[in-house]
Amino acid sequence: MVARGDQKLSTERQDDMMPLTQQEAEVLRRRLAIARQQLAEIDSAIELELRHARKRIEALHEKRAEPLKVYGAACTMLGIRNEFDEG
């Protein structure tokens, strides 16, 4: 049960509600199926976007490695602290 102000809303059908007609039940089942399909499509799109983002992040990390080496070597040769050193 969900409380909203003074009202209490139930996530389950109440016994005192009028029973659904067969036509109403079928409409709700179709809506349920459509919503389920939409959710599945959105979830698939999210997963695809996450895969693309992970690949892009991995590529950027790889691209970052070489300048980090150059920076570290220059710091060592100058005898200064490498602010990017993770140690």
PDB file of N, CA and C in Angstrom:
ATOM      1  N   MET A   1       0.829  -1.169   0.000  1.00  0.00           N
ATOM      2  CA  MET A   1       0.000   0.000   0.000  1.00  0.00           C
ATOM      3  C   MET A   1       0.881   1.243   0.000  1.00  0.00           C
ATOM      4  N   VAL A   2       0.490   2.265  -0.739  1.00  0.00           N
ATOM      5  CA  VAL A   2       1.236   3.499  -0.852  1.00  0.00           C
ATOM      6  C   VAL A   2       0.420   4.611  -0.215  1.00  0.00           C
ATOM      7  N   ALA A   3       1.029   5.340   0.709  1.00  0.00           N
ATOM      8  CA  ALA A   3       0.316   6.444   1.367  1.00  0.00           C
ATOM      9  C   ALA A   3       0.568   7.722   0.586  1.00  0.00           C
ATOM     10  N   ARG A   4      -0.479   8.451   0.329  1.00  0.00           N
ATOM     11  CA  ARG A   4      -0.357   9.735  -0.359  1.00  0.00           C
ATOM     12  C   ARG A   4      -1.270  10.712   0.365  1.00  0.00           C
ATOM     13  N   GLY A   5      -0.677  11.527   1.228  1.00  0.00           N
ATOM     14  CA  GLY A   5      -1.486  12.435   2.034  1.00  0.00           C
ATOM     15  C   GLY A   5      -2.398  11.629   2.937  1.00  0.00           C
ATOM     16  N   ASP A   6      -3.684  11.938   2.885  1.00  0.00           N
ATOM     17  CA  ASP A   6      -4.664  11.204   3.684  1.00  0.00           C
ATOM     18  C   ASP A   6      -5.175   9.970   2.959  1.00  0.00           C
ATOM     19  N   GLN A   7      -4.816   9.847   1.677  1.00  0.00           N
ATOM     20  CA  GLN A   7      -5.296   8.710   0.894  1.00  0.00           C
ATOM     21  C   GLN A   7      -4.328   7.549   1.015  1.00  0.00           C
ATOM     22  N   LYS A   8      -4.875   6.373   0.942  1.00  0.00           N
ATOM     23  CA  LYS A   8      -4.045   5.177   0.867  1.00  0.00           C
ATOM     24  C   LYS A   8      -4.393   4.488  -0.443  1.00  0.00           C
ATOM     25  N   LEU A   9      -3.375   4.304  -1.270  1.00  0.00           N
ATOM     26  CA  LEU A   9      -3.579   3.667  -2.556  1.00  0.00           C
ATOM     27  C   LEU A   9      -2.981   2.277  -2.503  1.00  0.00           C
ATOM     28  N   SER A  10      -3.697   1.336  -3.011  1.00  0.00           N
ATOM     29  CA  SER A  10      -3.207  -0.036  -3.033  1.00  0.00           C
ATOM     30  C   SER A  10      -2.694  -0.355  -4.422  1.00  0.00           C
ATOM     31  N   THR A  11      -1.636  -1.154  -4.470  1.00  0.00           N
ATOM     32  CA  THR A  11      -1.120  -1.585  -5.754  1.00  0.00           C
ATOM     33  C   THR A  11      -1.877  -2.808  -6.254  1.00  0.00           C
ATOM     34  N   GLU A  12      -2.767  -3.342  -5.434  1.00  0.00           N
ATOM     35  CA  GLU A  12      -3.581  -4.493  -5.828  1.00  0.00           C
ATOM     36  C   GLU A  12      -5.036  -4.069  -5.968  1.00  0.00           C
ATOM     37  N   ARG A  13      -5.757  -4.816  -6.724  1.00  0.00           N
ATOM     38  CA  ARG A  13      -7.168  -4.532  -6.957  1.00  0.00           C
ATOM     39  C   ARG A  13      -7.953  -4.722  -5.655  1.00  0.00           C
ATOM     40  N   GLN A  14      -8.789  -3.752  -5.324  1.00  0.00           N
ATOM     41  CA  GLN A  14      -9.591  -3.811  -4.113  1.00  0.00           C
ATOM     42  C   GLN A  14     -10.827  -4.674  -4.335  1.00  0.00           C
ATOM     43  N   ASP A  15     -11.251  -5.375  -3.291  1.00  0.00           N
ATOM     44  CA  ASP A  15     -12.441  -6.217  -3.375  1.00  0.00           C
ATOM     45  C   ASP A  15     -13.700  -5.404  -3.633  1.00  0.00           C
ATOM     46  N   ASP A  16     -13.717  -4.147  -3.177  1.00  0.00           N
ATOM     47  CA  ASP A  16     -14.915  -3.339  -3.344  1.00  0.00           C
ATOM     48  C   ASP A  16     -14.981  -2.653  -4.711  1.00  0.00           C
ATOM     49  N   MET A  17     -14.002  -2.898  -5.580  1.00  0.00           N
ATOM     50  CA  MET A  17     -14.035  -2.331  -6.927  1.00  0.00           C
ATOM     51  C   MET A  17     -14.974  -3.144  -7.801  1.00  0.00           C
ATOM     52  N   MET A  18     -15.579  -2.472  -8.748  1.00  0.00           N
ATOM     53  CA  MET A  18     -16.465  -3.183  -9.671  1.00  0.00           C
ATOM     54  C   MET A  18     -15.619  -4.118 -10.523  1.00  0.00           C
ATOM     55  N   PRO A  19     -16.120  -5.298 -10.775  1.00  0.00           N
ATOM     56  CA  PRO A  19     -15.348  -6.232 -11.595  1.00  0.00           C
ATOM     57  C   PRO A  19     -15.223  -5.700 -13.024  1.00  0.00           C
ATOM     58  N   LEU A  20     -14.100  -6.044 -13.656  1.00  0.00           N
ATOM     59  CA  LEU A  20     -13.871  -5.635 -15.034  1.00  0.00           C
ATOM     60  C   LEU A  20     -14.707  -6.483 -15.978  1.00  0.00           C
ATOM     61  N   THR A  21     -15.159  -5.847 -17.027  1.00  0.00           N
ATOM     62  CA  THR A  21     -15.814  -6.630 -18.072  1.00  0.00           C
ATOM     63  C   THR A  21     -14.724  -7.345 -18.852  1.00  0.00           C
ATOM     64  N   GLN A  22     -15.107  -8.303 -19.630  1.00  0.00           N
ATOM     65  CA  GLN A  22     -14.133  -9.039 -20.431  1.00  0.00           C
ATOM     66  C   GLN A  22     -13.440  -8.078 -21.398  1.00  0.00           C
ATOM     67  N   GLN A  23     -14.192  -7.134 -21.952  1.00  0.00           N
ATOM     68  CA  GLN A  23     -13.638  -6.161 -22.890  1.00  0.00           C
ATOM     69  C   GLN A  23     -12.632  -5.244 -22.181  1.00  0.00           C
ATOM     70  N   GLU A  24     -12.957  -4.769 -20.985  1.00  0.00           N
ATOM     71  CA  GLU A  24     -12.042  -3.918 -20.224  1.00  0.00           C
ATOM     72  C   GLU A  24     -10.762  -4.674 -19.867  1.00  0.00           C
ATOM     73  N   ALA A  25     -10.923  -5.927 -19.463  1.00  0.00           N
ATOM     74  CA  ALA A  25      -9.762  -6.745 -19.111  1.00  0.00           C
ATOM     75  C   ALA A  25      -8.862  -6.940 -20.326  1.00  0.00           C
ATOM     76  N   GLU A  26      -9.460  -7.159 -21.487  1.00  0.00           N
ATOM     77  CA  GLU A  26      -8.673  -7.358 -22.706  1.00  0.00           C
ATOM     78  C   GLU A  26      -7.933  -6.071 -23.084  1.00  0.00           C
ATOM     79  N   VAL A  27      -8.585  -4.931 -22.939  1.00  0.00           N
ATOM     80  CA  VAL A  27      -7.930  -3.651 -23.219  1.00  0.00           C
ATOM     81  C   VAL A  27      -6.728  -3.474 -22.293  1.00  0.00           C
ATOM     82  N   LEU A  28      -6.909  -3.773 -21.018  1.00  0.00           N
ATOM     83  CA  LEU A  28      -5.803  -3.644 -20.057  1.00  0.00           C
ATOM     84  C   LEU A  28      -4.679  -4.625 -20.369  1.00  0.00           C
ATOM     85  N   ARG A  29      -5.023  -5.836 -20.790  1.00  0.00           N
ATOM     86  CA  ARG A  29      -3.984  -6.817 -21.155  1.00  0.00           C
ATOM     87  C   ARG A  29      -3.190  -6.341 -22.369  1.00  0.00           C
ATOM     88  N   ARG A  30      -3.882  -5.732 -23.344  1.00  0.00           N
ATOM     89  CA  ARG A  30      -3.176  -5.198 -24.517  1.00  0.00           C
ATOM     90  C   ARG A  30      -2.252  -4.054 -24.103  1.00  0.00           C
ATOM     91  N   ARG A  31      -2.753  -3.180 -23.245  1.00  0.00           N
ATOM     92  CA  ARG A  31      -1.922  -2.069 -22.757  1.00  0.00           C
ATOM     93  C   ARG A  31      -0.704  -2.606 -22.005  1.00  0.00           C
ATOM     94  N   LEU A  32      -0.925  -3.634 -21.220  1.00  0.00           N
ATOM     95  CA  LEU A  32       0.160  -4.269 -20.481  1.00  0.00           C
ATOM     96  C   LEU A  32       1.213  -4.818 -21.440  1.00  0.00           C
ATOM     97  N   ALA A  33       0.768  -5.505 -22.478  1.00  0.00           N
ATOM     98  CA  ALA A  33       1.688  -6.088 -23.456  1.00  0.00           C
ATOM     99  C   ALA A  33       2.457  -5.001 -24.204  1.00  0.00           C
ATOM    100  N   ILE A  34       1.765  -3.923 -24.566  1.00  0.00           N
ATOM    101  CA  ILE A  34       2.424  -2.820 -25.269  1.00  0.00           C
ATOM    102  C   ILE A  34       3.466  -2.171 -24.362  1.00  0.00           C
ATOM    103  N   ALA A  35       3.100  -1.907 -23.121  1.00  0.00           N
ATOM    104  CA  ALA A  35       4.038  -1.291 -22.176  1.00  0.00           C
ATOM    105  C   ALA A  35       5.238  -2.197 -21.940  1.00  0.00           C
ATOM    106  N   ARG A  36       5.003  -3.501 -21.824  1.00  0.00           N
ATOM    107  CA  ARG A  36       6.104  -4.458 -21.613  1.00  0.00           C
ATOM    108  C   ARG A  36       7.059  -4.420 -22.806  1.00  0.00           C
ATOM    109  N   GLN A  37       6.506  -4.391 -24.027  1.00  0.00           N
ATOM    110  CA  GLN A  37       7.323  -4.337 -25.236  1.00  0.00           C
ATOM    111  C   GLN A  37       8.118  -3.032 -25.296  1.00  0.00           C
ATOM    112  N   GLN A  38       7.475  -1.920 -24.957  1.00  0.00           N
ATOM    113  CA  GLN A  38       8.167  -0.638 -24.946  1.00  0.00           C
ATOM    114  C   GLN A  38       9.317  -0.643 -23.943  1.00  0.00           C
ATOM    115  N   LEU A  39       9.068  -1.201 -22.776  1.00  0.00           N
ATOM    116  CA  LEU A  39      10.122  -1.282 -21.767  1.00  0.00           C
ATOM    117  C   LEU A  39      11.294  -2.141 -22.251  1.00  0.00           C
ATOM    118  N   ALA A  40      11.000  -3.241 -22.904  1.00  0.00           N
ATOM    119  CA  ALA A  40      12.055  -4.112 -23.429  1.00  0.00           C
ATOM    120  C   ALA A  40      12.878  -3.381 -24.490  1.00  0.00           C
ATOM    121  N   GLU A  41      12.211  -2.633 -25.358  1.00  0.00           N
ATOM    122  CA  GLU A  41      12.916  -1.882 -26.398  1.00  0.00           C
ATOM    123  C   GLU A  41      13.796  -0.790 -25.787  1.00  0.00           C
ATOM    124  N   ILE A  42      13.279  -0.103 -24.794  1.00  0.00           N
ATOM    125  CA  ILE A  42      14.055   0.949 -24.132  1.00  0.00           C
ATOM    126  C   ILE A  42      15.248   0.340 -23.411  1.00  0.00           C
ATOM    127  N   ASP A  43      15.040  -0.779 -22.726  1.00  0.00           N
ATOM    128  CA  ASP A  43      16.144  -1.447 -22.031  1.00  0.00           C
ATOM    129  C   ASP A  43      17.226  -1.869 -23.023  1.00  0.00           C
ATOM    130  N   SER A  44      16.826  -2.366 -24.187  1.00  0.00           N
ATOM    131  CA  SER A  44      17.799  -2.745 -25.218  1.00  0.00           C
ATOM    132  C   SER A  44      18.571  -1.533 -25.713  1.00  0.00           C
ATOM    133  N   ALA A  45      17.877  -0.427 -25.922  1.00  0.00           N
ATOM    134  CA  ALA A  45      18.534   0.801 -26.368  1.00  0.00           C
ATOM    135  C   ALA A  45      19.525   1.301 -25.325  1.00  0.00           C
ATOM    136  N   ILE A  46      19.156   1.211 -24.066  1.00  0.00           N
ATOM    137  CA  ILE A  46      20.053   1.622 -22.981  1.00  0.00           C
ATOM    138  C   ILE A  46      21.306   0.763 -22.989  1.00  0.00           C
ATOM    139  N   GLU A  47      21.133  -0.550 -23.112  1.00  0.00           N
ATOM    140  CA  GLU A  47      22.289  -1.445 -23.131  1.00  0.00           C
ATOM    141  C   GLU A  47      23.203  -1.144 -24.309  1.00  0.00           C
ATOM    142  N   LEU A  48      22.633  -0.874 -25.466  1.00  0.00           N
ATOM    143  CA  LEU A  48      23.429  -0.543 -26.643  1.00  0.00           C
ATOM    144  C   LEU A  48      24.224   0.741 -26.414  1.00  0.00           C
ATOM    145  N   GLU A  49      23.580   1.760 -25.864  1.00  0.00           N
ATOM    146  CA  GLU A  49      24.264   3.015 -25.587  1.00  0.00           C
ATOM    147  C   GLU A  49      25.372   2.826 -24.559  1.00  0.00           C
ATOM    148  N   LEU A  50      25.127   1.997 -23.555  1.00  0.00           N
ATOM    149  CA  LEU A  50      26.163   1.723 -22.557  1.00  0.00           C
ATOM    150  C   LEU A  50      27.372   1.030 -23.181  1.00  0.00           C
ATOM    151  N   ARG A  51      27.128   0.087 -24.092  1.00  0.00           N
ATOM    152  CA  ARG A  51      28.246  -0.585 -24.777  1.00  0.00           C
ATOM    153  C   ARG A  51      29.068   0.425 -25.572  1.00  0.00           C
ATOM    154  N   HIS A  52      28.381   1.318 -26.288  1.00  0.00           N
ATOM    155  CA  HIS A  52      29.086   2.348 -27.060  1.00  0.00           C
ATOM    156  C   HIS A  52      29.897   3.253 -26.140  1.00  0.00           C
ATOM    157  N   ALA A  53      29.303   3.660 -25.037  1.00  0.00           N
ATOM    158  CA  ALA A  53      29.990   4.547 -24.092  1.00  0.00           C
ATOM    159  C   ALA A  53      31.218   3.863 -23.494  1.00  0.00           C
ATOM    160  N   ARG A  54      31.077   2.585 -23.140  1.00  0.00           N
ATOM    161  CA  ARG A  54      32.217   1.858 -22.564  1.00  0.00           C
ATOM    162  C   ARG A  54      33.367   1.766 -23.560  1.00  0.00           C
ATOM    163  N   LYS A  55      33.030   1.499 -24.829  1.00  0.00           N
ATOM    164  CA  LYS A  55      34.068   1.421 -25.865  1.00  0.00           C
ATOM    165  C   LYS A  55      34.758   2.769 -26.033  1.00  0.00           C
ATOM    166  N   ARG A  56      33.994   3.844 -26.026  1.00  0.00           N
ATOM    167  CA  ARG A  56      34.566   5.186 -26.176  1.00  0.00           C
ATOM    168  C   ARG A  56      35.461   5.524 -24.991  1.00  0.00           C
ATOM    169  N   ILE A  57      35.026   5.200 -23.797  1.00  0.00           N
ATOM    170  CA  ILE A  57      35.837   5.451 -22.600  1.00  0.00           C
ATOM    171  C   ILE A  57      37.134   4.646 -22.657  1.00  0.00           C
ATOM    172  N   GLU A  58      37.039   3.392 -23.070  1.00  0.00           N
ATOM    173  CA  GLU A  58      38.242   2.557 -23.191  1.00  0.00           C
ATOM    174  C   GLU A  58      39.213   3.157 -24.201  1.00  0.00           C
ATOM    175  N   ALA A  59      38.699   3.632 -25.323  1.00  0.00           N
ATOM    176  CA  ALA A  59      39.552   4.251 -26.337  1.00  0.00           C
ATOM    177  C   ALA A  59      40.220   5.510 -25.786  1.00  0.00           C
ATOM    178  N   LEU A  60      39.479   6.291 -25.027  1.00  0.00           N
ATOM    179  CA  LEU A  60      40.068   7.503 -24.437  1.00  0.00           C
ATOM    180  C   LEU A  60      41.142   7.170 -23.414  1.00  0.00           C
ATOM    181  N   HIS A  61      40.931   6.111 -22.618  1.00  0.00           N
ATOM    182  CA  HIS A  61      41.956   5.695 -21.653  1.00  0.00           C
ATOM    183  C   HIS A  61      43.224   5.262 -22.386  1.00  0.00           C
ATOM    184  N   GLU A  62      43.055   4.539 -23.473  1.00  0.00           N
ATOM    185  CA  GLU A  62      44.216   4.100 -24.258  1.00  0.00           C
ATOM    186  C   GLU A  62      44.934   5.302 -24.869  1.00  0.00           C
ATOM    187  N   LYS A  63      44.164   6.257 -25.356  1.00  0.00           N
ATOM    188  CA  LYS A  63      44.728   7.465 -25.952  1.00  0.00           C
ATOM    189  C   LYS A  63      45.480   8.296 -24.907  1.00  0.00           C
ATOM    190  N   ARG A  64      45.041   8.235 -23.684  1.00  0.00           N
ATOM    191  CA  ARG A  64      45.625   9.014 -22.583  1.00  0.00           C
ATOM    192  C   ARG A  64      46.959   8.427 -22.111  1.00  0.00           C
ATOM    193  N   ALA A  65      47.178   7.150 -22.341  1.00  0.00           N
ATOM    194  CA  ALA A  65      48.359   6.464 -21.801  1.00  0.00           C
ATOM    195  C   ALA A  65      49.664   7.069 -22.319  1.00  0.00           C
ATOM    196  N   GLU A  66      49.769   7.354 -23.599  1.00  0.00           N
ATOM    197  CA  GLU A  66      51.016   7.869 -24.168  1.00  0.00           C
ATOM    198  C   GLU A  66      51.382   9.252 -23.623  1.00  0.00           C
ATOM    199  N   PRO A  67      50.459  10.219 -23.611  1.00  0.00           N
ATOM    200  CA  PRO A  67      50.824  11.513 -23.014  1.00  0.00           C
ATOM    201  C   PRO A  67      51.207  11.395 -21.536  1.00  0.00           C
ATOM    202  N   LEU A  68      50.596  10.463 -20.820  1.00  0.00           N
ATOM    203  CA  LEU A  68      50.976  10.257 -19.418  1.00  0.00           C
ATOM    204  C   LEU A  68      52.422   9.793 -19.306  1.00  0.00           C
ATOM    205  N   LYS A  69      52.837   8.909 -20.208  1.00  0.00           N
ATOM    206  CA  LYS A  69      54.234   8.438 -20.203  1.00  0.00           C
ATOM    207  C   LYS A  69      55.183   9.591 -20.490  1.00  0.00           C
ATOM    208  N   VAL A  70      54.856  10.397 -21.488  1.00  0.00           N
ATOM    209  CA  VAL A  70      55.703  11.534 -21.853  1.00  0.00           C
ATOM    210  C   VAL A  70      55.800  12.506 -20.685  1.00  0.00           C
ATOM    211  N   TYR A  71      54.658  12.799 -20.078  1.00  0.00           N
ATOM    212  CA  TYR A  71      54.621  13.726 -18.945  1.00  0.00           C
ATOM    213  C   TYR A  71      55.460  13.188 -17.789  1.00  0.00           C
ATOM    214  N   GLY A  72      55.300  11.904 -17.494  1.00  0.00           N
ATOM    215  CA  GLY A  72      56.053  11.287 -16.404  1.00  0.00           C
ATOM    216  C   GLY A  72      57.546  11.318 -16.651  1.00  0.00           C
ATOM    217  N   ALA A  73      57.939  11.037 -17.878  1.00  0.00           N
ATOM    218  CA  ALA A  73      59.368  11.059 -18.203  1.00  0.00           C
ATOM    219  C   ALA A  73      59.922  12.475 -18.072  1.00  0.00           C
ATOM    220  N   ALA A  74      59.161  13.464 -18.526  1.00  0.00           N
ATOM    221  CA  ALA A  74      59.618  14.850 -18.423  1.00  0.00           C
ATOM    222  C   ALA A  74      59.735  15.266 -16.959  1.00  0.00           C
ATOM    223  N   CYS A  75      58.786  14.860 -16.139  1.00  0.00           N
ATOM    224  CA  CYS A  75      58.855  15.176 -14.705  1.00  0.00           C
ATOM    225  C   CYS A  75      60.099  14.565 -14.077  1.00  0.00           C
ATOM    226  N   THR A  76      60.375  13.321 -14.430  1.00  0.00           N
ATOM    227  CA  THR A  76      61.547  12.632 -13.889  1.00  0.00           C
ATOM    228  C   THR A  76      62.819  13.365 -14.289  1.00  0.00           C
ATOM    229  N   MET A  77      62.919  13.745 -15.557  1.00  0.00           N
ATOM    230  CA  MET A  77      64.129  14.411 -16.048  1.00  0.00           C
ATOM    231  C   MET A  77      64.301  15.796 -15.422  1.00  0.00           C
ATOM    232  N   LEU A  78      63.177  16.467 -15.116  1.00  0.00           N
ATOM    233  CA  LEU A  78      63.243  17.793 -14.502  1.00  0.00           C
ATOM    234  C   LEU A  78      63.337  17.718 -12.977  1.00  0.00           C
ATOM    235  N   GLY A  79      63.105  16.531 -12.438  1.00  0.00           N
ATOM    236  CA  GLY A  79      63.183  16.358 -10.996  1.00  0.00           C
ATOM    237  C   GLY A  79      62.006  16.987 -10.265  1.00  0.00           C
ATOM    238  N   ILE A  80      60.879  17.012 -10.914  1.00  0.00           N
ATOM    239  CA  ILE A  80      59.683  17.565 -10.263  1.00  0.00           C
ATOM    240  C   ILE A  80      58.648  16.461 -10.059  1.00  0.00           C
ATOM    241  N   ARG A  81      57.725  16.766  -9.185  1.00  0.00           N
ATOM    242  CA  ARG A  81      56.681  15.787  -8.868  1.00  0.00           C
ATOM    243  C   ARG A  81      55.706  15.643 -10.041  1.00  0.00           C
ATOM    244  N   ASN A  82      55.361  14.392 -10.331  1.00  0.00           N
ATOM    245  CA  ASN A  82      54.363  14.096 -11.376  1.00  0.00           C
ATOM    246  C   ASN A  82      52.991  14.113 -10.716  1.00  0.00           C
ATOM    247  N   GLU A  83      52.218  15.126 -11.004  1.00  0.00           N
ATOM    248  CA  GLU A  83      50.901  15.256 -10.387  1.00  0.00           C
ATOM    249  C   GLU A  83      49.926  14.165 -10.863  1.00  0.00           C
ATOM    250  N   PHE A  84      50.274  13.488 -11.964  1.00  0.00           N
ATOM    251  CA  PHE A  84      49.406  12.434 -12.464  1.00  0.00           C
ATOM    252  C   PHE A  84      49.856  11.036 -12.031  1.00  0.00           C
ATOM    253  N   ASP A  85      50.949  10.996 -11.273  1.00  0.00           N
ATOM    254  CA  ASP A  85      51.433   9.688 -10.791  1.00  0.00           C
ATOM    255  C   ASP A  85      50.463   9.143  -9.783  1.00  0.00           C
ATOM    256  N   GLU A  86      50.019   7.917 -10.023  1.00  0.00           N
ATOM    257  CA  GLU A  86      49.015   7.299  -9.153  1.00  0.00           C
ATOM    258  C   GLU A  86      49.646   6.548  -7.999  1.00  0.00           C
ATOM    259  N   GLY A  87      50.856   6.787  -7.697  1.00  0.00           N
ATOM    260  CA  GLY A  87      51.525   6.043  -6.637  1.00  0.00           C
ATOM    261  C   GLY A  87      51.646   6.748  -5.353  1.00  0.00           C
TER     262      GLY A  87
END
